[in-house]
C-alpha atoms as a PDB file:
ATOM      1  CA  UNK A   1      16.614  76.744  11.997  1.00  0.00           C
ATOM      2  CA  UNK A   2      16.888  75.808  15.652  1.00  0.00           C
ATOM      3  CA  UNK A   3      15.520  72.498  16.859  1.00  0.00           C
ATOM      4  CA  UNK A   4      13.615  74.376  19.536  1.00  0.00           C
ATOM      5  CA  UNK A   5      11.665  76.264  16.917  1.00  0.00           C
ATOM      6  CA  UNK A   6      10.017  73.093  15.567  1.00  0.00           C
ATOM      7  CA  UNK A   7       6.614  71.992  16.758  1.00  0.00           C
ATOM      8  CA  UNK A   8       6.944  69.802  19.790  1.00  0.00           C
ATOM      9  CA  UNK A   9       5.613  66.694  18.056  1.00  0.00           C
ATOM     10  CA  UNK A  10       7.942  66.822  15.046  1.00  0.00           C
ATOM     11  CA  UNK A  11      11.157  65.375  16.524  1.00  0.00           C
ATOM     12  CA  UNK A  12       9.516  62.494  18.480  1.00  0.00           C
ATOM     13  CA  UNK A  13       7.496  61.525  15.365  1.00  0.00           C
ATOM     14  CA  UNK A  14      10.629  61.653  13.179  1.00  0.00           C
ATOM     15  CA  UNK A  15      12.508  59.614  15.797  1.00  0.00           C
ATOM     16  CA  UNK A  16       9.846  56.910  15.782  1.00  0.00           C
ATOM     17  CA  UNK A  17       9.985  56.704  11.982  1.00  0.00           C
ATOM     18  CA  UNK A  18      13.771  56.468  12.094  1.00  0.00           C
ATOM     19  CA  UNK A  19      13.435  53.766  14.703  1.00  0.00           C
ATOM     20  CA  UNK A  20      11.145  51.770  12.494  1.00  0.00           C
ATOM     21  CA  UNK A  21      13.728  51.980   9.685  1.00  0.00           C
ATOM     22  CA  UNK A  22      16.462  50.940  12.125  1.00  0.00           C
ATOM     23  CA  UNK A  23      14.329  47.953  13.208  1.00  0.00           C
ATOM     24  CA  UNK A  24      14.022  46.826   9.579  1.00  0.00           C
ATOM     25  CA  UNK A  25      17.766  47.057   9.263  1.00  0.00           C
ATOM     26  CA  UNK A  26      18.317  44.979  12.394  1.00  0.00           C
ATOM     27  CA  UNK A  27      15.879  42.267  11.207  1.00  0.00           C
ATOM     28  CA  UNK A  28      17.467  42.088   7.736  1.00  0.00           C
ATOM     29  CA  UNK A  29      21.108  42.218   8.920  1.00  0.00           C
ATOM     30  CA  UNK A  30      20.464  39.533  11.540  1.00  0.00           C
ATOM     31  CA  UNK A  31      19.710  37.161   8.697  1.00  0.00           C
ATOM     32  CA  UNK A  32      22.101  38.380   6.006  1.00  0.00           C
ATOM     33  CA  UNK A  33      25.322  38.760   8.050  1.00  0.00           C
ATOM     34  CA  UNK A  34      25.243  35.097   9.309  1.00  0.00           C
ATOM     35  CA  UNK A  35      24.313  33.910   5.769  1.00  0.00           C
ATOM     36  CA  UNK A  36      27.462  35.717   4.467  1.00  0.00           C
ATOM     37  CA  UNK A  37      29.473  33.757   7.065  1.00  0.00           C
ATOM     38  CA  UNK A  38      27.986  30.419   5.835  1.00  0.00           C
ATOM     39  CA  UNK A  39      25.805  30.115   8.925  1.00  0.00           C
ATOM     40  CA  UNK A  40      22.180  29.256   9.060  1.00  0.00           C
ATOM     41  CA  UNK A  41      19.778  32.170   8.688  1.00  0.00           C
ATOM     42  CA  UNK A  42      18.434  33.766  11.851  1.00  0.00           C
ATOM     43  CA  UNK A  43      14.885  32.455  11.232  1.00  0.00           C
ATOM     44  CA  UNK A  44      13.545  34.396  14.144  1.00  0.00           C
ATOM     45  CA  UNK A  45       9.878  34.029  14.845  1.00  0.00           C
ATOM     46  CA  UNK A  46       7.477  36.898  14.384  1.00  0.00           C
ATOM     47  CA  UNK A  47       7.592  37.651  18.122  1.00  0.00           C
ATOM     48  CA  UNK A  48      11.360  38.168  18.004  1.00  0.00           C
ATOM     49  CA  UNK A  49      11.136  40.448  14.987  1.00  0.00           C
ATOM     50  CA  UNK A  50       8.308  42.416  16.578  1.00  0.00           C
ATOM     51  CA  UNK A  51      10.249  42.742  19.838  1.00  0.00           C
ATOM     52  CA  UNK A  52      13.270  44.047  17.849  1.00  0.00           C
ATOM     53  CA  UNK A  53      11.004  46.619  16.184  1.00  0.00           C
ATOM     54  CA  UNK A  54       9.499  47.747  19.452  1.00  0.00           C
ATOM     55  CA  UNK A  55      12.881  47.987  21.016  1.00  0.00           C
ATOM     56  CA  UNK A  56      14.371  50.113  18.244  1.00  0.00           C
ATOM     57  CA  UNK A  57      11.379  52.453  18.130  1.00  0.00           C
ATOM     58  CA  UNK A  58      11.497  52.912  21.881  1.00  0.00           C
ATOM     59  CA  UNK A  59      15.241  53.496  21.875  1.00  0.00           C
ATOM     60  CA  UNK A  60      14.909  55.976  19.071  1.00  0.00           C
ATOM     61  CA  UNK A  61      12.215  58.008  20.869  1.00  0.00           C
ATOM     62  CA  UNK A  62      14.327  58.074  24.010  1.00  0.00           C
ATOM     63  CA  UNK A  63      17.413  58.972  22.060  1.00  0.00           C
ATOM     64  CA  UNK A  64      15.708  62.080  20.588  1.00  0.00           C
ATOM     65  CA  UNK A  65      15.031  63.437  24.039  1.00  0.00           C
ATOM     66  CA  UNK A  66      18.595  62.519  25.159  1.00  0.00           C
ATOM     67  CA  UNK A  67      20.110  64.401  22.237  1.00  0.00           C
ATOM     68  CA  UNK A  68      17.947  67.453  22.798  1.00  0.00           C
ATOM     69  CA  UNK A  69      18.838  67.512  26.421  1.00  0.00           C
ATOM     70  CA  UNK A  70      22.547  67.093  25.851  1.00  0.00           C
ATOM     71  CA  UNK A  71      22.969  69.786  23.171  1.00  0.00           C
ATOM     72  CA  UNK A  72      22.722  73.551  23.657  1.00  0.00           C
ATOM     73  CA  UNK A  73      19.215  75.053  23.586  1.00  0.00           C
ATOM     74  CA  UNK A  74      19.984  76.888  20.335  1.00  0.00           C
ATOM     75  CA  UNK A  75      21.389  73.791  18.570  1.00  0.00           C
ATOM     76  CA  UNK A  76      20.436  73.763  14.876  1.00  0.00           C
ATOM     77  CA  UNK A  77      18.248  71.124  13.265  1.00  0.00           C
ATOM     78  CA  UNK A  78      21.202  69.693  11.212  1.00  0.00           C
ATOM     79  CA  UNK A  79      23.333  69.352  14.349  1.00  0.00           C
ATOM     80  CA  UNK A  80      20.556  67.603  16.280  1.00  0.00           C
ATOM     81  CA  UNK A  81      19.878  65.356  13.279  1.00  0.00           C
ATOM     82  CA  UNK A  82      23.541  64.398  12.807  1.00  0.00           C
ATOM     83  CA  UNK A  83      24.068  63.604  16.495  1.00  0.00           C
ATOM     84  CA  UNK A  84      20.836  61.577  16.660  1.00  0.00           C
ATOM     85  CA  UNK A  85      21.640  59.695  13.447  1.00  0.00           C
ATOM     86  CA  UNK A  86      25.123  58.733  14.628  1.00  0.00           C
ATOM     87  CA  UNK A  87      23.915  57.326  17.905  1.00  0.00           C
ATOM     88  CA  UNK A  88      21.037  55.520  16.249  1.00  0.00           C
ATOM     89  CA  UNK A  89      23.403  53.971  13.713  1.00  0.00           C
ATOM     90  CA  UNK A  90      25.587  52.638  16.552  1.00  0.00           C
ATOM     91  CA  UNK A  91      22.530  51.364  18.427  1.00  0.00           C
ATOM     92  CA  UNK A  92      21.477  49.563  15.292  1.00  0.00           C
ATOM     93  CA  UNK A  93      24.921  47.910  15.015  1.00  0.00           C
ATOM     94  CA  UNK A  94      25.034  46.714  18.630  1.00  0.00           C
ATOM     95  CA  UNK A  95      21.396  45.459  18.708  1.00  0.00           C
ATOM     96  CA  UNK A  96      22.101  43.523  15.528  1.00  0.00           C
ATOM     97  CA  UNK A  97      25.222  42.098  17.133  1.00  0.00           C
ATOM     98  CA  UNK A  98      23.164  41.029  20.170  1.00  0.00           C
ATOM     99  CA  UNK A  99      20.604  39.318  17.990  1.00  0.00           C
ATOM    100  CA  UNK A 100      23.304  37.386  16.104  1.00  0.00           C
ATOM    101  CA  UNK A 101      25.053  36.440  19.337  1.00  0.00           C
ATOM    102  CA  UNK A 102      21.801  35.050  20.776  1.00  0.00           C
ATOM    103  CA  UNK A 103      21.202  33.020  17.674  1.00  0.00           C
ATOM    104  CA  UNK A 104      24.718  31.806  16.909  1.00  0.00           C
ATOM    105  CA  UNK A 105      26.922  32.683  19.911  1.00  0.00           C
ATOM    106  CA  UNK A 106      28.990  34.746  17.569  1.00  0.00           C
ATOM    107  CA  UNK A 107      29.826  38.442  17.256  1.00  0.00           C
ATOM    108  CA  UNK A 108      30.902  39.213  13.659  1.00  0.00           C
ATOM    109  CA  UNK A 109      33.935  41.468  13.106  1.00  0.00           C
ATOM    110  CA  UNK A 110      31.939  43.435  10.531  1.00  0.00           C
ATOM    111  CA  UNK A 111      29.733  44.655  13.386  1.00  0.00           C
ATOM    112  CA  UNK A 112      32.216  44.938  16.274  1.00  0.00           C
ATOM    113  CA  UNK A 113      35.306  46.316  14.566  1.00  0.00           C
ATOM    114  CA  UNK A 114      33.263  47.971  11.872  1.00  0.00           C
ATOM    115  CA  UNK A 115      31.197  49.671  14.610  1.00  0.00           C
ATOM    116  CA  UNK A 116      34.362  50.727  16.419  1.00  0.00           C
ATOM    117  CA  UNK A 117      35.710  52.330  13.278  1.00  0.00           C
ATOM    118  CA  UNK A 118      32.349  54.132  12.819  1.00  0.00           C
ATOM    119  CA  UNK A 119      32.444  55.357  16.432  1.00  0.00           C
ATOM    120  CA  UNK A 120      35.973  56.724  16.048  1.00  0.00           C
ATOM    121  CA  UNK A 121      35.200  58.361  12.709  1.00  0.00           C
ATOM    122  CA  UNK A 122      32.109  60.086  14.041  1.00  0.00           C
ATOM    123  CA  UNK A 123      33.570  61.028  17.456  1.00  0.00           C
ATOM    124  CA  UNK A 124      34.108  64.737  16.571  1.00  0.00           C
ATOM    125  CA  UNK A 125      30.286  65.017  16.258  1.00  0.00           C
ATOM    126  CA  UNK A 126      29.725  63.469  19.634  1.00  0.00           C
ATOM    127  CA  UNK A 127      30.553  64.575  23.116  1.00  0.00           C
ATOM    128  CA  UNK A 128      33.367  62.047  23.636  1.00  0.00           C
ATOM    129  CA  UNK A 129      35.667  63.614  20.953  1.00  0.00           C
ATOM    130  CA  UNK A 130      38.410  61.978  18.892  1.00  0.00           C
ATOM    131  CA  UNK A 131      40.885  61.702  21.834  1.00  0.00           C
ATOM    132  CA  UNK A 132      38.274  60.232  24.111  1.00  0.00           C
ATOM    133  CA  UNK A 133      37.162  57.758  21.505  1.00  0.00           C
ATOM    134  CA  UNK A 134      40.750  56.620  20.830  1.00  0.00           C
ATOM    135  CA  UNK A 135      41.492  56.172  24.555  1.00  0.00           C
ATOM    136  CA  UNK A 136      38.210  54.406  25.040  1.00  0.00           C
ATOM    137  CA  UNK A 137      38.971  51.987  22.236  1.00  0.00           C
ATOM    138  CA  UNK A 138      42.366  51.213  23.744  1.00  0.00           C
ATOM    139  CA  UNK A 139      40.768  50.808  27.184  1.00  0.00           C
ATOM    140  CA  UNK A 140      38.216  48.434  25.720  1.00  0.00           C
ATOM    141  CA  UNK A 141      40.959  46.398  24.065  1.00  0.00           C
ATOM    142  CA  UNK A 142      42.947  46.136  27.333  1.00  0.00           C
ATOM    143  CA  UNK A 143      40.021  45.141  29.567  1.00  0.00           C
ATOM    144  CA  UNK A 144      38.638  42.890  26.871  1.00  0.00           C
ATOM    145  CA  UNK A 145      41.579  40.896  25.523  1.00  0.00           C
ATOM    146  CA  UNK A 146      43.466  40.869  28.844  1.00  0.00           C
ATOM    147  CA  UNK A 147      40.872  38.859  30.853  1.00  0.00           C
ATOM    148  CA  UNK A 148      40.232  36.660  27.790  1.00  0.00           C
ATOM    149  CA  UNK A 149      43.895  35.712  27.591  1.00  0.00           C
ATOM    150  CA  UNK A 150      44.125  35.225  31.398  1.00  0.00           C
ATOM    151  CA  UNK A 151      41.027  33.028  31.508  1.00  0.00           C
ATOM    152  CA  UNK A 152      42.320  30.795  28.768  1.00  0.00           C
ATOM    153  CA  UNK A 153      45.690  30.394  30.553  1.00  0.00           C
ATOM    154  CA  UNK A 154      44.054  29.567  33.861  1.00  0.00           C
ATOM    155  CA  UNK A 155      41.264  27.281  32.735  1.00  0.00           C
ATOM    156  CA  UNK A 156      42.629  25.996  29.429  1.00  0.00           C
ATOM    157  CA  UNK A 157      39.545  26.999  27.445  1.00  0.00           C
ATOM    158  CA  UNK A 158      37.889  30.158  26.198  1.00  0.00           C
ATOM    159  CA  UNK A 159      35.683  32.176  28.537  1.00  0.00           C
ATOM    160  CA  UNK A 160      35.341  35.787  27.469  1.00  0.00           C
ATOM    161  CA  UNK A 161      35.318  35.337  23.675  1.00  0.00           C
ATOM    162  CA  UNK A 162      37.349  37.453  21.277  1.00  0.00           C
ATOM    163  CA  UNK A 163      34.091  38.737  19.840  1.00  0.00           C
ATOM    164  CA  UNK A 164      33.155  40.042  23.295  1.00  0.00           C
ATOM    165  CA  UNK A 165      36.576  41.728  23.571  1.00  0.00           C
ATOM    166  CA  UNK A 166      36.077  43.443  20.175  1.00  0.00           C
ATOM    167  CA  UNK A 167      32.611  44.528  21.298  1.00  0.00           C
ATOM    168  CA  UNK A 168      34.347  46.236  24.287  1.00  0.00           C
ATOM    169  CA  UNK A 169      36.580  48.064  21.813  1.00  0.00           C
ATOM    170  CA  UNK A 170      33.405  49.360  20.143  1.00  0.00           C
ATOM    171  CA  UNK A 171      31.932  50.326  23.513  1.00  0.00           C
ATOM    172  CA  UNK A 172      35.044  52.279  24.416  1.00  0.00           C
ATOM    173  CA  UNK A 173      35.227  54.044  21.049  1.00  0.00           C
ATOM    174  CA  UNK A 174      31.539  55.005  21.379  1.00  0.00           C
ATOM    175  CA  UNK A 175      31.245  55.795  25.085  1.00  0.00           C
ATOM    176  CA  UNK A 176      34.775  56.645  26.150  1.00  0.00           C
ATOM    177  CA  UNK A 177      37.130  54.879  28.598  1.00  0.00           C
ATOM    178  CA  UNK A 178      34.817  55.075  31.609  1.00  0.00           C
ATOM    179  CA  UNK A 179      32.051  53.721  29.434  1.00  0.00           C
ATOM    180  CA  UNK A 180      34.203  50.733  28.437  1.00  0.00           C
ATOM    181  CA  UNK A 181      34.884  49.888  32.044  1.00  0.00           C
ATOM    182  CA  UNK A 182      31.189  50.224  32.934  1.00  0.00           C
ATOM    183  CA  UNK A 183      30.126  48.043  30.035  1.00  0.00           C
ATOM    184  CA  UNK A 184      32.545  45.275  31.048  1.00  0.00           C
ATOM    185  CA  UNK A 185      31.611  45.140  34.688  1.00  0.00           C
ATOM    186  CA  UNK A 186      27.869  45.832  34.323  1.00  0.00           C
ATOM    187  CA  UNK A 187      27.538  43.366  31.446  1.00  0.00           C
ATOM    188  CA  UNK A 188      29.401  40.659  33.403  1.00  0.00           C
ATOM    189  CA  UNK A 189      27.307  41.331  36.505  1.00  0.00           C
ATOM    190  CA  UNK A 190      24.026  41.232  34.690  1.00  0.00           C
ATOM    191  CA  UNK A 191      25.113  38.078  32.891  1.00  0.00           C
ATOM    192  CA  UNK A 192      26.023  36.452  36.185  1.00  0.00           C
ATOM    193  CA  UNK A 193      22.694  37.367  37.791  1.00  0.00           C
ATOM    194  CA  UNK A 194      20.860  35.921  34.813  1.00  0.00           C
ATOM    195  CA  UNK A 195      22.927  32.754  34.916  1.00  0.00           C
ATOM    196  CA  UNK A 196      22.248  32.279  38.627  1.00  0.00           C
ATOM    197  CA  UNK A 197      18.516  32.901  38.082  1.00  0.00           C
ATOM    198  CA  UNK A 198      18.328  30.426  35.191  1.00  0.00           C
ATOM    199  CA  UNK A 199      20.278  27.838  37.245  1.00  0.00           C
ATOM    200  CA  UNK A 200      17.950  28.288  40.194  1.00  0.00           C
ATOM    201  CA  UNK A 201      14.958  27.746  37.897  1.00  0.00           C
ATOM    202  CA  UNK A 202      16.520  24.722  36.290  1.00  0.00           C
ATOM    203  CA  UNK A 203      16.603  26.352  32.834  1.00  0.00           C
ATOM    204  CA  UNK A 204      19.432  25.366  30.514  1.00  0.00           C
ATOM    205  CA  UNK A 205      20.337  27.404  27.466  1.00  0.00           C
ATOM    206  CA  UNK A 206      20.592  25.102  24.411  1.00  0.00           C
ATOM    207  CA  UNK A 207      23.496  25.301  21.998  1.00  0.00           C
ATOM    208  CA  UNK A 208      22.316  26.966  18.767  1.00  0.00           C
ATOM    209  CA  UNK A 209      22.060  24.667  15.745  1.00  0.00           C
ATOM    210  CA  UNK A 210      24.692  26.646  13.815  1.00  0.00           C
ATOM    211  CA  UNK A 211      27.165  26.227  16.683  1.00  0.00           C
ATOM    212  CA  UNK A 212      26.448  22.444  16.968  1.00  0.00           C
ATOM    213  CA  UNK A 213      26.919  22.025  13.256  1.00  0.00           C
ATOM    214  CA  UNK A 214      30.258  23.888  13.246  1.00  0.00           C
ATOM    215  CA  UNK A 215      31.487  21.844  16.231  1.00  0.00           C
ATOM    216  CA  UNK A 216      30.493  18.643  14.435  1.00  0.00           C
ATOM    217  CA  UNK A 217      32.582  19.712  11.377  1.00  0.00           C
ATOM    218  CA  UNK A 218      35.610  20.543  13.572  1.00  0.00           C
ATOM    219  CA  UNK A 219      35.223  17.266  15.521  1.00  0.00           C
ATOM    220  CA  UNK A 220      35.137  15.314  12.226  1.00  0.00           C
ATOM    221  CA  UNK A 221      38.327  17.086  11.119  1.00  0.00           C
ATOM    222  CA  UNK A 222      40.000  16.302  14.428  1.00  0.00           C
ATOM    223  CA  UNK A 223      39.047  12.630  14.178  1.00  0.00           C
ATOM    224  CA  UNK A 224      40.577  12.657  10.698  1.00  0.00           C
ATOM    225  CA  UNK A 225      43.920  13.720  12.177  1.00  0.00           C
ATOM    226  CA  UNK A 226      43.751  17.519  11.866  1.00  0.00           C
ATOM    227  CA  UNK A 227      45.871  18.807  14.808  1.00  0.00           C
ATOM    228  CA  UNK A 228      44.588  22.368  14.489  1.00  0.00           C
ATOM    229  CA  UNK A 229      41.030  21.132  14.799  1.00  0.00           C
ATOM    230  CA  UNK A 230      41.989  19.024  17.796  1.00  0.00           C
ATOM    231  CA  UNK A 231      43.547  22.045  19.489  1.00  0.00           C
ATOM    232  CA  UNK A 232      40.481  24.124  18.734  1.00  0.00           C
ATOM    233  CA  UNK A 233      38.266  21.560  20.394  1.00  0.00           C
ATOM    234  CA  UNK A 234      40.402  21.586  23.524  1.00  0.00           C
ATOM    235  CA  UNK A 235      39.883  25.313  24.192  1.00  0.00           C
ATOM    236  CA  UNK A 236      36.333  25.652  22.883  1.00  0.00           C
ATOM    237  CA  UNK A 237      33.845  25.369  25.799  1.00  0.00           C
ATOM    238  CA  UNK A 238      31.053  24.599  23.332  1.00  0.00           C
ATOM    239  CA  UNK A 239      32.794  21.379  22.314  1.00  0.00           C
ATOM    240  CA  UNK A 240      32.428  19.888  25.791  1.00  0.00           C
ATOM    241  CA  UNK A 241      29.352  18.584  27.521  1.00  0.00           C
ATOM    242  CA  UNK A 242      27.924  21.288  29.773  1.00  0.00           C
ATOM    243  CA  UNK A 243      28.347  20.604  33.470  1.00  0.00           C
ATOM    244  CA  UNK A 244      25.887  21.319  36.244  1.00  0.00           C
ATOM    245  CA  UNK A 245      27.800  24.112  37.959  1.00  0.00           C
ATOM    246  CA  UNK A 246      27.206  27.817  37.500  1.00  0.00           C
ATOM    247  CA  UNK A 247      30.635  28.225  35.847  1.00  0.00           C
ATOM    248  CA  UNK A 248      29.674  25.764  33.118  1.00  0.00           C
ATOM    249  CA  UNK A 249      26.856  27.870  31.710  1.00  0.00           C
ATOM    250  CA  UNK A 250      26.653  28.665  28.024  1.00  0.00           C
ATOM    251  CA  UNK A 251      25.012  32.071  28.123  1.00  0.00           C
ATOM    252  CA  UNK A 252      26.309  34.490  25.501  1.00  0.00           C
ATOM    253  CA  UNK A 253      27.825  37.598  27.043  1.00  0.00           C
ATOM    254  CA  UNK A 254      27.311  39.870  24.057  1.00  0.00           C
ATOM    255  CA  UNK A 255      23.674  40.804  24.686  1.00  0.00           C
ATOM    256  CA  UNK A 256      24.520  41.823  28.265  1.00  0.00           C
ATOM    257  CA  UNK A 257      27.422  43.963  27.062  1.00  0.00           C
ATOM    258  CA  UNK A 258      25.004  45.606  24.595  1.00  0.00           C
ATOM    259  CA  UNK A 259      22.499  46.159  27.413  1.00  0.00           C
ATOM    260  CA  UNK A 260      25.233  47.854  29.438  1.00  0.00           C
ATOM    261  CA  UNK A 261      26.075  50.035  26.370  1.00  0.00           C
ATOM    262  CA  UNK A 262      22.472  51.205  26.301  1.00  0.00           C
ATOM    263  CA  UNK A 263      22.361  51.844  30.046  1.00  0.00           C
ATOM    264  CA  UNK A 264      25.569  53.946  29.878  1.00  0.00           C
ATOM    265  CA  UNK A 265      24.374  55.857  26.804  1.00  0.00           C
ATOM    266  CA  UNK A 266      21.243  57.058  28.576  1.00  0.00           C
ATOM    267  CA  UNK A 267      22.644  57.410  32.112  1.00  0.00           C
ATOM    268  CA  UNK A 268      26.320  57.972  31.339  1.00  0.00           C
ATOM    269  CA  UNK A 269      26.994  61.284  33.154  1.00  0.00           C
ATOM    270  CA  UNK A 270      25.389  60.034  36.385  1.00  0.00           C
ATOM    271  CA  UNK A 271      27.138  56.680  36.177  1.00  0.00           C
ATOM    272  CA  UNK A 272      30.502  58.326  35.409  1.00  0.00           C
ATOM    273  CA  UNK A 273      30.190  60.690  38.370  1.00  0.00           C
ATOM    274  CA  UNK A 274      29.452  57.729  40.684  1.00  0.00           C
ATOM    275  CA  UNK A 275      32.395  55.686  39.368  1.00  0.00           C
ATOM    276  CA  UNK A 276      34.845  58.612  39.453  1.00  0.00           C
ATOM    277  CA  UNK A 277      33.938  59.363  43.104  1.00  0.00           C
END
């Protein structure tokens, strides 16, 4: 059966139900993944959980229309369902990663590298293809790990975290090489605009409790003579008192990279044509 033969309300309704399921996965994973890493639970308030649910339902509904528009008019229901499910699974991964990064300033490998593996494995069922996904993953690695290494050499501390670099690998495997470049620059730009706005308003982002607790443990080990702990404190920007300048902000980059992923997913062809011109 072709997707076009179904009643017009079936696919949007099914997408909203799938989005509700994805929202439940996000809310559960945002607690269980940190717990598995011996971090405090993400005890998000009801408003945060409700916002995650509304976001996933909205993204799912929009994704249904995107998939229908991108596939041939005679695409079968199984093909539409498979393409939709793959993109929704990847959206669930990155939204969960953004939630955890906001709560713990940490992007777990299980989500970033696991998501990259999922994106490569499912690439034949998406427009990017296996070659495009592989090139995109390499591009994400180059533009992610390269600046992170250079920043550490120039300033003597971490800037773009390794988790952010791994998230760029996922972005490239999912969206292709142009997508990886867009995610890096758009994510960094949106992060900078937000940092400037917060600075102008006098708003300072507090260090999450799990991060403060971890730093306290490392500092205690360093004071006890652990050289590895002392070296870790030297390069970790979280271990130093935040300054007043814009470059001393402690805003996690991951959520902005995820925002750029969503932007490219829904407006990718137009963005790619502008960039390639």
